[in-house]
N, C-alpha and C. Protein backbone atom coordinates (compact mmCIF):
# COMPACT_ATOMS: atom_id res chain seq x y z
N MET A 1 125.43 106.38 78.29
CA MET A 1 124.78 105.08 78.29
C MET A 1 125.38 104.24 79.43
N THR A 2 124.54 103.59 80.19
CA THR A 2 124.96 102.70 81.27
C THR A 2 124.30 101.34 81.04
N THR A 3 125.10 100.29 81.12
CA THR A 3 124.60 98.93 80.96
C THR A 3 125.00 98.12 82.17
N GLN A 4 124.01 97.48 82.80
CA GLN A 4 124.25 96.64 83.96
C GLN A 4 124.13 95.18 83.54
N ILE A 5 125.17 94.40 83.85
CA ILE A 5 125.25 93.00 83.43
C ILE A 5 125.38 92.14 84.67
N LEU A 6 124.63 91.05 84.71
CA LEU A 6 124.74 90.07 85.79
C LEU A 6 125.03 88.72 85.17
N ILE A 7 126.12 88.11 85.61
CA ILE A 7 126.50 86.77 85.16
C ILE A 7 126.37 85.86 86.37
N ALA A 8 125.63 84.76 86.25
CA ALA A 8 125.37 83.92 87.41
C ALA A 8 125.44 82.44 87.04
N GLY A 9 125.95 81.65 87.98
CA GLY A 9 126.06 80.21 87.77
C GLY A 9 126.67 79.54 88.99
N PHE A 10 127.25 78.36 88.76
CA PHE A 10 127.95 77.63 89.80
C PHE A 10 129.42 78.03 89.80
N GLY A 11 130.06 77.92 90.95
CA GLY A 11 131.51 78.10 91.01
C GLY A 11 132.18 77.08 90.10
N GLY A 12 133.22 77.49 89.42
CA GLY A 12 133.91 76.60 88.48
C GLY A 12 133.47 76.78 87.05
N GLN A 13 132.39 77.55 86.82
CA GLN A 13 131.92 77.78 85.45
C GLN A 13 132.57 79.01 84.81
N GLY A 14 133.45 79.67 85.51
CA GLY A 14 134.13 80.83 84.95
C GLY A 14 133.31 82.11 84.97
N VAL A 15 132.34 82.17 85.87
CA VAL A 15 131.48 83.35 85.98
C VAL A 15 132.30 84.59 86.31
N LEU A 16 133.19 84.49 87.30
CA LEU A 16 133.97 85.65 87.71
C LEU A 16 134.97 86.05 86.63
N PHE A 17 135.54 85.07 85.94
CA PHE A 17 136.49 85.37 84.86
C PHE A 17 135.78 86.10 83.72
N ALA A 18 134.58 85.66 83.37
CA ALA A 18 133.81 86.32 82.31
C ALA A 18 133.52 87.77 82.70
N GLY A 19 133.15 87.98 83.97
CA GLY A 19 132.92 89.34 84.44
C GLY A 19 134.18 90.18 84.41
N LYS A 20 135.29 89.58 84.79
CA LYS A 20 136.57 90.29 84.76
C LYS A 20 136.93 90.68 83.33
N LEU A 21 136.69 89.79 82.38
CA LEU A 21 136.96 90.11 80.98
C LEU A 21 136.12 91.31 80.53
N LEU A 22 134.84 91.31 80.87
CA LEU A 22 133.97 92.42 80.48
C LEU A 22 134.41 93.73 81.15
N ALA A 23 134.84 93.63 82.41
CA ALA A 23 135.31 94.82 83.12
C ALA A 23 136.57 95.39 82.45
N TYR A 24 137.52 94.53 82.14
CA TYR A 24 138.72 95.00 81.46
C TYR A 24 138.40 95.53 80.07
N LYS A 25 137.42 94.93 79.42
CA LYS A 25 136.99 95.42 78.10
C LYS A 25 136.51 96.86 78.24
N GLY A 26 135.74 97.13 79.28
CA GLY A 26 135.29 98.49 79.54
C GLY A 26 136.45 99.45 79.78
N LEU A 27 137.44 99.00 80.53
CA LEU A 27 138.62 99.83 80.78
C LEU A 27 139.36 100.15 79.48
N VAL A 28 139.58 99.13 78.68
CA VAL A 28 140.29 99.30 77.41
C VAL A 28 139.52 100.25 76.49
N ASP A 29 138.19 100.19 76.57
CA ASP A 29 137.35 101.06 75.74
C ASP A 29 137.19 102.47 76.33
N GLY A 30 137.82 102.73 77.48
CA GLY A 30 137.76 104.06 78.08
C GLY A 30 136.47 104.37 78.81
N LYS A 31 135.76 103.34 79.26
CA LYS A 31 134.49 103.53 79.96
C LYS A 31 134.70 103.55 81.48
N HIS A 32 133.71 104.02 82.19
CA HIS A 32 133.65 103.87 83.64
C HIS A 32 133.10 102.47 83.88
N LEU A 33 133.57 101.81 84.94
CA LEU A 33 133.05 100.47 85.16
C LEU A 33 133.10 100.08 86.61
N SER A 34 132.32 99.06 86.89
CA SER A 34 132.30 98.44 88.20
C SER A 34 132.29 96.94 87.98
N TRP A 35 133.06 96.23 88.80
CA TRP A 35 133.10 94.75 88.75
C TRP A 35 132.96 94.27 90.17
N LEU A 36 131.89 93.54 90.45
CA LEU A 36 131.61 93.10 91.81
C LEU A 36 131.37 91.58 91.81
N PRO A 37 132.40 90.80 92.14
CA PRO A 37 132.23 89.35 92.19
C PRO A 37 131.60 88.91 93.51
N SER A 38 130.89 87.80 93.47
CA SER A 38 130.28 87.25 94.67
C SER A 38 130.20 85.74 94.52
N TYR A 39 130.64 85.02 95.55
CA TYR A 39 130.53 83.57 95.48
C TYR A 39 130.32 83.00 96.86
N GLY A 40 129.69 81.82 96.86
CA GLY A 40 129.40 81.15 98.11
C GLY A 40 130.66 80.57 98.74
N PRO A 41 130.54 79.95 99.91
CA PRO A 41 131.72 79.45 100.61
C PRO A 41 132.41 78.30 99.88
N GLU A 42 131.68 77.58 99.06
CA GLU A 42 132.30 76.50 98.29
C GLU A 42 132.79 77.10 96.99
N MET A 43 134.05 76.89 96.66
CA MET A 43 134.60 77.50 95.46
C MET A 43 134.02 76.85 94.21
N ARG A 44 134.14 75.55 94.09
CA ARG A 44 133.60 74.86 92.91
C ARG A 44 132.30 74.18 93.29
N GLY A 45 131.26 74.48 92.55
CA GLY A 45 129.97 73.88 92.83
C GLY A 45 129.05 74.77 93.65
N GLY A 46 129.59 75.75 94.34
CA GLY A 46 128.76 76.70 95.08
C GLY A 46 128.22 77.75 94.13
N THR A 47 127.45 78.66 94.65
CA THR A 47 126.90 79.72 93.80
C THR A 47 127.97 80.76 93.50
N ALA A 48 127.86 81.34 92.34
CA ALA A 48 128.77 82.43 91.95
C ALA A 48 128.01 83.39 91.06
N ASN A 49 128.22 84.66 91.27
CA ASN A 49 127.69 85.64 90.34
C ASN A 49 128.61 86.85 90.31
N CYS A 50 128.46 87.60 89.27
CA CYS A 50 129.34 88.74 89.06
C CYS A 50 128.52 89.85 88.42
N SER A 51 128.58 91.02 89.03
CA SER A 51 127.90 92.20 88.50
C SER A 51 128.93 93.09 87.81
N VAL A 52 128.62 93.50 86.59
CA VAL A 52 129.48 94.40 85.84
C VAL A 52 128.61 95.56 85.36
N ILE A 53 129.09 96.77 85.60
CA ILE A 53 128.41 97.96 85.09
C ILE A 53 129.40 98.68 84.18
N ILE A 54 128.97 98.95 82.96
CA ILE A 54 129.78 99.67 81.99
C ILE A 54 129.02 100.95 81.66
N SER A 55 129.71 102.09 81.80
CA SER A 55 129.00 103.36 81.66
C SER A 55 129.87 104.44 81.03
N ASP A 56 129.22 105.38 80.37
CA ASP A 56 129.90 106.57 79.87
C ASP A 56 130.09 107.60 80.99
N ASP A 57 129.37 107.42 82.09
CA ASP A 57 129.40 108.36 83.21
C ASP A 57 129.89 107.66 84.47
N PRO A 58 130.33 108.40 85.47
CA PRO A 58 130.73 107.78 86.74
C PRO A 58 129.58 106.93 87.32
N ILE A 59 129.96 105.86 88.00
CA ILE A 59 129.00 104.90 88.54
C ILE A 59 128.84 105.15 90.03
N GLY A 60 127.60 105.34 90.47
CA GLY A 60 127.32 105.65 91.86
C GLY A 60 127.35 104.44 92.78
N SER A 61 126.93 103.29 92.29
CA SER A 61 126.85 102.10 93.13
C SER A 61 127.18 100.87 92.30
N PRO A 62 127.93 99.92 92.87
CA PRO A 62 128.27 98.70 92.12
C PRO A 62 127.17 97.63 92.15
N ILE A 63 126.09 97.91 92.85
CA ILE A 63 125.01 96.92 93.01
C ILE A 63 124.15 96.89 91.76
N VAL A 64 123.92 95.68 91.24
CA VAL A 64 123.04 95.48 90.08
C VAL A 64 121.79 94.76 90.57
N SER A 65 120.71 95.51 90.73
CA SER A 65 119.44 94.93 91.17
C SER A 65 118.55 94.58 89.98
N HIS A 66 118.65 95.37 88.92
CA HIS A 66 117.82 95.18 87.73
C HIS A 66 118.73 95.23 86.50
N PRO A 67 119.33 94.08 86.17
CA PRO A 67 120.29 94.07 85.06
C PRO A 67 119.63 94.31 83.70
N ASP A 68 120.42 94.93 82.83
CA ASP A 68 120.02 95.06 81.43
C ASP A 68 120.30 93.75 80.70
N VAL A 69 121.31 93.03 81.18
CA VAL A 69 121.72 91.76 80.58
C VAL A 69 121.93 90.74 81.69
N LEU A 70 121.38 89.54 81.50
CA LEU A 70 121.60 88.42 82.41
C LEU A 70 122.21 87.27 81.61
N ILE A 71 123.33 86.75 82.09
CA ILE A 71 123.85 85.49 81.57
C ILE A 71 123.58 84.45 82.65
N ALA A 72 122.70 83.49 82.36
CA ALA A 72 122.35 82.43 83.31
C ALA A 72 123.05 81.15 82.89
N MET A 73 124.01 80.72 83.71
CA MET A 73 124.80 79.53 83.40
C MET A 73 124.21 78.26 83.99
N ASN A 74 123.20 78.39 84.88
CA ASN A 74 122.54 77.21 85.44
C ASN A 74 121.09 77.56 85.78
N LEU A 75 120.29 76.52 86.02
CA LEU A 75 118.86 76.70 86.27
C LEU A 75 118.57 77.54 87.52
N PRO A 76 119.24 77.30 88.66
CA PRO A 76 118.94 78.13 89.83
C PRO A 76 119.16 79.63 89.55
N SER A 77 120.16 79.95 88.75
CA SER A 77 120.42 81.36 88.43
C SER A 77 119.32 81.93 87.55
N LEU A 78 118.88 81.17 86.57
CA LEU A 78 117.79 81.65 85.71
C LEU A 78 116.53 81.88 86.55
N GLU A 79 116.22 80.92 87.40
CA GLU A 79 115.01 81.04 88.21
C GLU A 79 115.10 82.22 89.18
N LYS A 80 116.28 82.47 89.73
CA LYS A 80 116.45 83.55 90.71
C LYS A 80 116.42 84.93 90.07
N TYR A 81 117.02 85.08 88.87
CA TYR A 81 117.24 86.41 88.32
C TYR A 81 116.39 86.76 87.09
N GLU A 82 115.69 85.81 86.51
CA GLU A 82 114.91 86.09 85.29
C GLU A 82 114.01 87.31 85.44
N ASN A 83 113.29 87.40 86.53
CA ASN A 83 112.32 88.48 86.70
C ASN A 83 112.95 89.80 87.13
N THR A 84 114.26 89.82 87.36
CA THR A 84 114.92 91.08 87.73
C THR A 84 115.41 91.85 86.51
N VAL A 85 115.47 91.22 85.35
CA VAL A 85 115.96 91.87 84.14
C VAL A 85 114.96 92.95 83.71
N VAL A 86 115.48 94.10 83.32
CA VAL A 86 114.61 95.21 82.92
C VAL A 86 113.85 94.85 81.64
N PRO A 87 112.63 95.34 81.47
CA PRO A 87 111.92 95.14 80.21
C PRO A 87 112.77 95.69 79.06
N GLY A 88 112.85 94.94 77.99
CA GLY A 88 113.69 95.32 76.86
C GLY A 88 115.12 94.81 76.99
N GLY A 89 115.43 94.16 78.12
CA GLY A 89 116.77 93.65 78.37
C GLY A 89 117.05 92.36 77.60
N ILE A 90 118.18 91.77 77.91
CA ILE A 90 118.64 90.56 77.24
C ILE A 90 118.90 89.47 78.27
N ILE A 91 118.44 88.25 77.97
CA ILE A 91 118.76 87.09 78.80
C ILE A 91 119.45 86.06 77.91
N LEU A 92 120.66 85.68 78.31
CA LEU A 92 121.40 84.63 77.62
C LEU A 92 121.34 83.38 78.50
N VAL A 93 120.80 82.29 77.96
CA VAL A 93 120.58 81.06 78.72
C VAL A 93 121.54 79.99 78.22
N GLU A 94 122.28 79.37 79.13
CA GLU A 94 123.17 78.27 78.78
C GLU A 94 122.28 77.04 78.55
N SER A 95 121.90 76.81 77.30
CA SER A 95 120.86 75.82 76.99
C SER A 95 121.33 74.38 77.03
N THR A 96 122.62 74.12 77.14
CA THR A 96 123.07 72.73 77.34
C THR A 96 122.66 72.27 78.73
N LEU A 97 122.70 73.17 79.69
CA LEU A 97 122.44 72.83 81.09
C LEU A 97 121.05 73.23 81.56
N ILE A 98 120.38 74.11 80.81
CA ILE A 98 119.07 74.62 81.23
C ILE A 98 118.05 74.29 80.14
N GLU A 99 117.08 73.46 80.48
CA GLU A 99 116.03 73.11 79.52
C GLU A 99 114.85 74.06 79.59
N LYS A 100 114.69 74.72 80.72
CA LYS A 100 113.56 75.63 80.93
C LYS A 100 113.64 76.80 79.95
N LYS A 101 112.47 77.22 79.48
CA LYS A 101 112.38 78.39 78.61
C LYS A 101 112.01 79.61 79.44
N VAL A 102 112.49 80.75 79.03
CA VAL A 102 112.17 82.00 79.70
C VAL A 102 110.69 82.31 79.45
N ALA A 103 109.97 82.63 80.51
CA ALA A 103 108.53 82.86 80.41
C ALA A 103 108.18 84.26 79.93
N ARG A 104 109.11 85.18 80.05
CA ARG A 104 108.83 86.58 79.73
C ARG A 104 108.85 86.82 78.22
N ASP A 105 108.02 87.79 77.79
CA ASP A 105 108.03 88.15 76.37
C ASP A 105 108.44 89.61 76.17
N ASP A 106 108.92 90.24 77.25
CA ASP A 106 109.34 91.63 77.16
C ASP A 106 110.87 91.79 77.18
N VAL A 107 111.59 90.68 76.95
CA VAL A 107 113.05 90.69 76.88
C VAL A 107 113.48 89.88 75.66
N ARG A 108 114.70 90.15 75.19
CA ARG A 108 115.28 89.34 74.11
C ARG A 108 115.99 88.16 74.76
N VAL A 109 115.70 86.96 74.29
CA VAL A 109 116.26 85.76 74.89
C VAL A 109 117.06 85.00 73.84
N PHE A 110 118.24 84.53 74.26
CA PHE A 110 119.09 83.73 73.39
C PHE A 110 119.48 82.46 74.13
N TYR A 111 119.22 81.34 73.50
CA TYR A 111 119.57 80.04 74.08
C TYR A 111 120.88 79.61 73.43
N VAL A 112 121.92 79.51 74.24
CA VAL A 112 123.27 79.25 73.74
C VAL A 112 123.76 77.91 74.31
N PRO A 113 123.99 76.92 73.45
CA PRO A 113 124.49 75.62 73.94
C PRO A 113 126.00 75.68 74.19
N ALA A 114 126.41 76.56 75.07
CA ALA A 114 127.83 76.87 75.25
C ALA A 114 128.65 75.68 75.76
N THR A 115 128.12 74.93 76.70
CA THR A 115 128.88 73.79 77.23
C THR A 115 129.11 72.75 76.14
N ARG A 116 128.08 72.47 75.35
CA ARG A 116 128.24 71.52 74.24
C ARG A 116 129.24 72.05 73.23
N MET A 117 129.13 73.31 72.88
CA MET A 117 130.05 73.91 71.91
C MET A 117 131.49 73.86 72.43
N ALA A 118 131.67 74.17 73.71
CA ALA A 118 133.02 74.15 74.29
C ALA A 118 133.60 72.73 74.27
N GLN A 119 132.77 71.74 74.58
CA GLN A 119 133.23 70.34 74.53
C GLN A 119 133.63 69.96 73.11
N GLU A 120 132.83 70.37 72.13
CA GLU A 120 133.15 70.06 70.73
C GLU A 120 134.44 70.74 70.27
N MET A 121 134.77 71.88 70.88
CA MET A 121 136.01 72.59 70.56
C MET A 121 137.21 71.97 71.26
N GLY A 122 136.95 71.03 72.17
CA GLY A 122 138.04 70.44 72.95
C GLY A 122 138.45 71.31 74.13
N ALA A 123 137.60 72.24 74.50
CA ALA A 123 137.88 73.15 75.62
C ALA A 123 136.66 73.22 76.52
N PRO A 124 136.34 72.15 77.24
CA PRO A 124 135.08 72.08 77.98
C PRO A 124 134.92 73.13 79.07
N THR A 125 135.99 73.78 79.48
CA THR A 125 135.88 74.79 80.53
C THR A 125 135.62 76.19 79.99
N LEU A 126 135.44 76.34 78.68
CA LEU A 126 135.31 77.67 78.12
C LEU A 126 133.89 78.04 77.67
N ALA A 127 132.90 77.40 78.26
CA ALA A 127 131.51 77.79 77.97
C ALA A 127 131.30 79.26 78.34
N ASN A 128 131.97 79.72 79.40
CA ASN A 128 131.85 81.12 79.82
C ASN A 128 132.30 82.08 78.72
N MET A 129 133.34 81.71 77.98
CA MET A 129 133.84 82.60 76.93
C MET A 129 132.91 82.58 75.71
N ILE A 130 132.28 81.45 75.45
CA ILE A 130 131.30 81.39 74.38
C ILE A 130 130.10 82.28 74.72
N MET A 131 129.65 82.22 75.97
CA MET A 131 128.54 83.08 76.41
C MET A 131 128.94 84.55 76.33
N THR A 132 130.18 84.85 76.69
CA THR A 132 130.67 86.23 76.62
C THR A 132 130.71 86.71 75.17
N GLY A 133 131.14 85.84 74.27
CA GLY A 133 131.14 86.19 72.85
C GLY A 133 129.73 86.50 72.34
N LYS A 134 128.76 85.71 72.77
CA LYS A 134 127.37 85.96 72.37
C LYS A 134 126.88 87.29 72.94
N LEU A 135 127.27 87.60 74.17
CA LEU A 135 126.91 88.89 74.76
C LEU A 135 127.50 90.02 73.92
N ILE A 136 128.75 89.89 73.53
CA ILE A 136 129.40 90.91 72.71
C ILE A 136 128.63 91.13 71.41
N ARG A 137 128.14 90.03 70.82
CA ARG A 137 127.39 90.15 69.57
C ARG A 137 126.05 90.86 69.76
N GLU A 138 125.38 90.61 70.88
CA GLU A 138 124.00 91.06 71.06
C GLU A 138 123.85 92.35 71.86
N CYS A 139 124.86 92.77 72.59
CA CYS A 139 124.75 93.92 73.48
C CYS A 139 125.54 95.10 72.92
N ASP A 140 124.86 96.19 72.65
CA ASP A 140 125.50 97.37 72.08
C ASP A 140 126.57 97.97 72.98
N ALA A 141 126.48 97.77 74.28
CA ALA A 141 127.42 98.38 75.21
C ALA A 141 128.80 97.75 75.13
N VAL A 142 128.89 96.54 74.59
CA VAL A 142 130.17 95.83 74.50
C VAL A 142 130.40 95.51 73.03
N ASN A 143 131.38 96.18 72.43
CA ASN A 143 131.66 95.92 71.01
C ASN A 143 132.80 94.91 70.88
N ASP A 144 133.07 94.51 69.65
CA ASP A 144 134.08 93.48 69.43
C ASP A 144 135.50 94.02 69.24
N GLY A 145 135.68 95.32 69.40
CA GLY A 145 137.02 95.89 69.29
C GLY A 145 137.85 95.60 70.53
N HIS A 146 139.15 95.56 70.39
CA HIS A 146 140.10 95.39 71.49
C HIS A 146 140.00 94.04 72.21
N ILE A 147 139.43 93.02 71.59
CA ILE A 147 139.29 91.73 72.27
C ILE A 147 140.66 91.14 72.61
N GLU A 148 141.57 91.15 71.65
CA GLU A 148 142.91 90.58 71.92
C GLU A 148 143.61 91.34 73.03
N GLU A 149 143.58 92.66 72.98
CA GLU A 149 144.22 93.47 74.02
C GLU A 149 143.62 93.16 75.39
N THR A 150 142.31 93.03 75.44
CA THR A 150 141.63 92.71 76.69
C THR A 150 142.02 91.33 77.18
N LEU A 151 142.03 90.35 76.29
CA LEU A 151 142.41 88.99 76.68
C LEU A 151 143.82 88.94 77.24
N HIS A 152 144.74 89.70 76.65
CA HIS A 152 146.11 89.73 77.16
C HIS A 152 146.15 90.25 78.59
N LYS A 153 145.21 91.11 78.96
CA LYS A 153 145.18 91.66 80.31
C LYS A 153 144.60 90.67 81.33
N VAL A 154 143.68 89.82 80.90
CA VAL A 154 143.01 88.93 81.87
C VAL A 154 143.53 87.50 81.89
N VAL A 155 144.14 87.05 80.81
CA VAL A 155 144.74 85.71 80.81
C VAL A 155 146.12 85.84 81.45
N SER A 156 146.29 85.21 82.59
CA SER A 156 147.53 85.38 83.35
C SER A 156 148.75 84.88 82.58
N ALA A 157 149.90 85.37 82.96
CA ALA A 157 151.16 85.01 82.29
C ALA A 157 151.38 83.49 82.31
N ARG A 158 151.03 82.85 83.41
CA ARG A 158 151.26 81.40 83.48
C ARG A 158 150.26 80.59 82.66
N HIS A 159 149.20 81.26 82.17
CA HIS A 159 148.20 80.56 81.35
C HIS A 159 148.15 81.10 79.93
N GLN A 160 149.23 81.72 79.46
CA GLN A 160 149.24 82.27 78.11
C GLN A 160 149.01 81.20 77.04
N ASP A 161 149.26 79.93 77.39
CA ASP A 161 148.98 78.85 76.46
C ASP A 161 147.48 78.72 76.18
N LEU A 162 146.65 79.34 77.00
CA LEU A 162 145.20 79.29 76.82
C LEU A 162 144.64 80.51 76.09
N PHE A 163 145.52 81.44 75.72
CA PHE A 163 145.09 82.66 75.05
C PHE A 163 144.32 82.37 73.77
N ASP A 164 144.90 81.57 72.87
CA ASP A 164 144.27 81.32 71.57
C ASP A 164 142.94 80.59 71.69
N ILE A 165 142.83 79.64 72.60
CA ILE A 165 141.58 78.89 72.73
C ILE A 165 140.49 79.79 73.34
N ASN A 166 140.87 80.69 74.25
CA ASN A 166 139.91 81.66 74.78
C ASN A 166 139.40 82.57 73.67
N LYS A 167 140.32 83.04 72.84
CA LYS A 167 139.95 83.90 71.71
C LYS A 167 139.02 83.15 70.75
N LYS A 168 139.33 81.89 70.51
CA LYS A 168 138.51 81.07 69.62
C LYS A 168 137.10 80.87 70.21
N ALA A 169 137.02 80.67 71.52
CA ALA A 169 135.72 80.47 72.18
C ALA A 169 134.88 81.75 72.11
N ILE A 170 135.51 82.89 72.34
CA ILE A 170 134.78 84.16 72.24
C ILE A 170 134.26 84.33 70.82
N GLN A 171 135.10 84.04 69.84
CA GLN A 171 134.69 84.18 68.44
C GLN A 171 133.53 83.24 68.12
N ALA A 172 133.55 82.02 68.65
CA ALA A 172 132.46 81.06 68.42
C ALA A 172 131.14 81.62 68.94
N GLY A 173 131.17 82.27 70.09
CA GLY A 173 129.96 82.90 70.62
C GLY A 173 129.51 84.07 69.77
N MET A 174 130.47 84.86 69.30
CA MET A 174 130.13 86.01 68.44
C MET A 174 129.56 85.56 67.11
N ASP A 175 129.99 84.41 66.62
CA ASP A 175 129.52 83.89 65.34
C ASP A 175 128.17 83.19 65.40
N LEU A 176 127.72 82.89 66.62
CA LEU A 176 126.49 82.12 66.80
C LEU A 176 125.27 82.92 66.37
N GLU A 177 124.54 82.38 65.42
CA GLU A 177 123.31 83.01 64.93
C GLU A 177 122.16 82.76 65.91
N GLY A 178 121.20 83.67 65.92
CA GLY A 178 119.97 83.47 66.68
C GLY A 178 120.06 83.61 68.14
């Protein structure tokens, strides 16, 4: 089984970190994987996207042209990538920031108010982890095992004080119904 994931948004939304978490999750689960970050010249506020491929087999190319899963963290990303998702795929929309509805009826769509939820948790920068938690809940390729082990690998030593709140944000996304 091979699953191609595209996470897209503005710089500063944690797009690359979310992709890194999913890539390490694949490593911990013993999968083949590819992690390809991409961002514009402006670090915060510029465009950012991250392609992650998780597979049972070796991966020939890190390029994701037709993702199985799209996480759209802003409207320009939804508009740019909505039609690239494969039929039967999943689109996760950050609904606090995106009012537009997905026009397609051949994909599963989840509207996640991640920014609002993160603000209510007192961690406004962790909308990316809430979206990642929702992806874990809805995507068979990424299960909820080894989350703590994976988080220990991606949360740097100098930011270990953020470990618990990241774990809580992921859990909030996993718990989100609908």
